[in-house]
Amino acid sequence: MTKAQLVESIAKKAKISKKAAGIALDAFVEAVTAALKKGDRITLVGFGTFMVAKRKARTAKNPKTGEMIKVPAKRVPKFKAGRELKAAVK
């Protein structure tokens, strides 16, 4: 599903315009992004939890050259599906 299809689906279900649904979706994405930048967790009961995970520094092999390179530690976004979402997809 693309963003445009998601906006259309939201607009139909909420009985609002596509423009309003697009604005709401953009606001949601911005809010989640801002919270994750601060290191916060976002929990939507039944849907899931957005969080930040820390990856350790490591060495990896460049598949093209075979050379070993150092990959620095970094923070990455992570999503854990909630019980109801898991059951719905099952």
C-alpha atoms as a PDB file:
ATOM      1  CA  MET A   1       0.000   0.000   0.000  1.00  0.00           C
ATOM      2  CA  THR A   2       1.342   3.408  -0.943  1.00  0.00           C
ATOM      3  CA  LYS A   3       0.948   6.628   1.029  1.00  0.00           C
ATOM      4  CA  ALA A   4      -1.698   7.821  -1.452  1.00  0.00           C
ATOM      5  CA  GLN A   5      -3.692   4.609  -0.987  1.00  0.00           C
ATOM      6  CA  LEU A   6      -3.398   4.922   2.791  1.00  0.00           C
ATOM      7  CA  VAL A   7      -4.629   8.539   2.671  1.00  0.00           C
ATOM      8  CA  GLU A   8      -7.583   7.459   0.513  1.00  0.00           C
ATOM      9  CA  SER A   9      -8.444   4.638   2.931  1.00  0.00           C
ATOM     10  CA  ILE A  10      -8.263   6.968   5.948  1.00  0.00           C
ATOM     11  CA  ALA A  11     -10.431   9.535   4.171  1.00  0.00           C
ATOM     12  CA  LYS A  12     -13.128   6.948   3.385  1.00  0.00           C
ATOM     13  CA  LYS A  13     -13.179   5.376   6.865  1.00  0.00           C
ATOM     14  CA  ALA A  14     -13.143   8.732   8.711  1.00  0.00           C
ATOM     15  CA  LYS A  15     -15.512  10.349   6.183  1.00  0.00           C
ATOM     16  CA  ILE A  16     -13.169  13.297   5.679  1.00  0.00           C
ATOM     17  CA  SER A  17     -11.489  14.781   2.633  1.00  0.00           C
ATOM     18  CA  LYS A  18      -8.306  13.303   1.207  1.00  0.00           C
ATOM     19  CA  LYS A  19      -6.555  16.591   1.969  1.00  0.00           C
ATOM     20  CA  ALA A  20      -7.538  16.412   5.653  1.00  0.00           C
ATOM     21  CA  ALA A  21      -6.514  12.740   5.809  1.00  0.00           C
ATOM     22  CA  GLY A  22      -3.141  13.598   4.238  1.00  0.00           C
ATOM     23  CA  ILE A  23      -2.565  16.375   6.759  1.00  0.00           C
ATOM     24  CA  ALA A  24      -3.478  14.028   9.631  1.00  0.00           C
ATOM     25  CA  LEU A  25      -1.152  11.293   8.341  1.00  0.00           C
ATOM     26  CA  ASP A  26       1.715  13.769   7.902  1.00  0.00           C
ATOM     27  CA  ALA A  27       1.118  15.090  11.429  1.00  0.00           C
ATOM     28  CA  PHE A  28       1.209  11.539  12.807  1.00  0.00           C
ATOM     29  CA  VAL A  29       4.483  10.744  11.033  1.00  0.00           C
ATOM     30  CA  GLU A  30       6.047  14.033  12.217  1.00  0.00           C
ATOM     31  CA  ALA A  31       4.947  13.409  15.819  1.00  0.00           C
ATOM     32  CA  VAL A  32       6.340   9.859  15.832  1.00  0.00           C
ATOM     33  CA  THR A  33       9.603  11.034  14.247  1.00  0.00           C
ATOM     34  CA  ALA A  34      10.022  13.851  16.786  1.00  0.00           C
ATOM     35  CA  ALA A  35       9.336  11.526  19.715  1.00  0.00           C
ATOM     36  CA  LEU A  36      11.810   8.920  18.441  1.00  0.00           C
ATOM     37  CA  LYS A  37      14.477  11.601  17.945  1.00  0.00           C
ATOM     38  CA  LYS A  38      14.112  12.420  21.654  1.00  0.00           C
ATOM     39  CA  GLY A  39      14.368   8.728  22.522  1.00  0.00           C
ATOM     40  CA  ASP A  40      10.738   8.372  23.613  1.00  0.00           C
ATOM     41  CA  ARG A  41       8.499   5.346  23.041  1.00  0.00           C
ATOM     42  CA  ILE A  42       5.118   5.620  21.371  1.00  0.00           C
ATOM     43  CA  THR A  43       2.657   2.935  22.431  1.00  0.00           C
ATOM     44  CA  LEU A  44      -0.643   2.492  20.604  1.00  0.00           C
ATOM     45  CA  VAL A  45      -2.468  -0.149  22.642  1.00  0.00           C
ATOM     46  CA  GLY A  46      -3.509  -3.056  20.453  1.00  0.00           C
ATOM     47  CA  PHE A  47      -1.509  -1.764  17.468  1.00  0.00           C
ATOM     48  CA  GLY A  48       2.090  -1.690  18.609  1.00  0.00           C
ATOM     49  CA  THR A  49       5.035   0.263  19.951  1.00  0.00           C
ATOM     50  CA  PHE A  50       7.509   2.489  18.146  1.00  0.00           C
ATOM     51  CA  MET A  51      10.890   2.726  19.890  1.00  0.00           C
ATOM     52  CA  VAL A  52      14.571   3.447  19.327  1.00  0.00           C
ATOM     53  CA  ALA A  53      17.079   0.591  19.449  1.00  0.00           C
ATOM     54  CA  LYS A  54      20.844   0.950  19.766  1.00  0.00           C
ATOM     55  CA  ARG A  55      23.095  -1.010  17.451  1.00  0.00           C
ATOM     56  CA  LYS A  56      26.637  -1.715  18.581  1.00  0.00           C
ATOM     57  CA  ALA A  57      29.665  -0.878  16.487  1.00  0.00           C
ATOM     58  CA  ARG A  58      30.876  -3.842  14.457  1.00  0.00           C
ATOM     59  CA  THR A  59      33.133  -4.914  11.647  1.00  0.00           C
ATOM     60  CA  ALA A  60      31.626  -6.068   8.383  1.00  0.00           C
ATOM     61  CA  LYS A  61      32.890  -7.369   5.102  1.00  0.00           C
ATOM     62  CA  ASN A  62      32.390  -5.376   1.911  1.00  0.00           C
ATOM     63  CA  PRO A  63      30.957  -8.023  -0.442  1.00  0.00           C
ATOM     64  CA  LYS A  64      32.325  -6.304  -3.537  1.00  0.00           C
ATOM     65  CA  THR A  65      35.954  -5.968  -2.442  1.00  0.00           C
ATOM     66  CA  GLY A  66      36.169  -8.409   0.464  1.00  0.00           C
ATOM     67  CA  GLU A  67      37.665  -5.619   2.564  1.00  0.00           C
ATOM     68  CA  MET A  68      36.767  -5.457   6.267  1.00  0.00           C
ATOM     69  CA  ILE A  69      35.167  -2.146   7.259  1.00  0.00           C
ATOM     70  CA  LYS A  70      34.111  -0.678  10.597  1.00  0.00           C
ATOM     71  CA  VAL A  71      30.406   0.071  10.989  1.00  0.00           C
ATOM     72  CA  PRO A  72      29.843   2.672  13.725  1.00  0.00           C
ATOM     73  CA  ALA A  73      27.266   2.328  16.501  1.00  0.00           C
ATOM     74  CA  LYS A  74      23.949   3.986  15.761  1.00  0.00           C
ATOM     75  CA  ARG A  75      20.357   4.388  16.875  1.00  0.00           C
ATOM     76  CA  VAL A  76      17.646   2.902  14.648  1.00  0.00           C
ATOM     77  CA  PRO A  77      13.840   3.050  14.743  1.00  0.00           C
ATOM     78  CA  LYS A  78      12.068  -0.162  15.705  1.00  0.00           C
ATOM     79  CA  PHE A  79       8.427  -1.271  15.723  1.00  0.00           C
ATOM     80  CA  LYS A  80       6.977  -4.096  17.805  1.00  0.00           C
ATOM     81  CA  ALA A  81       3.483  -5.214  16.793  1.00  0.00           C
ATOM     82  CA  GLY A  82       0.830  -5.415  19.488  1.00  0.00           C
ATOM     83  CA  ARG A  83      -1.244  -8.485  20.346  1.00  0.00           C
ATOM     84  CA  GLU A  84      -4.363  -7.386  18.430  1.00  0.00           C
ATOM     85  CA  LEU A  85      -2.380  -6.523  15.284  1.00  0.00           C
ATOM     86  CA  LYS A  86      -0.599  -9.883  15.400  1.00  0.00           C
ATOM     87  CA  ALA A  87      -3.928 -11.692  15.777  1.00  0.00           C
ATOM     88  CA  ALA A  88      -5.504  -9.741  12.898  1.00  0.00           C
ATOM     89  CA  VAL A  89      -2.643 -10.597  10.529  1.00  0.00           C
ATOM     90  CA  LYS A  90      -2.472 -14.239  11.567  1.00  0.00           C
END
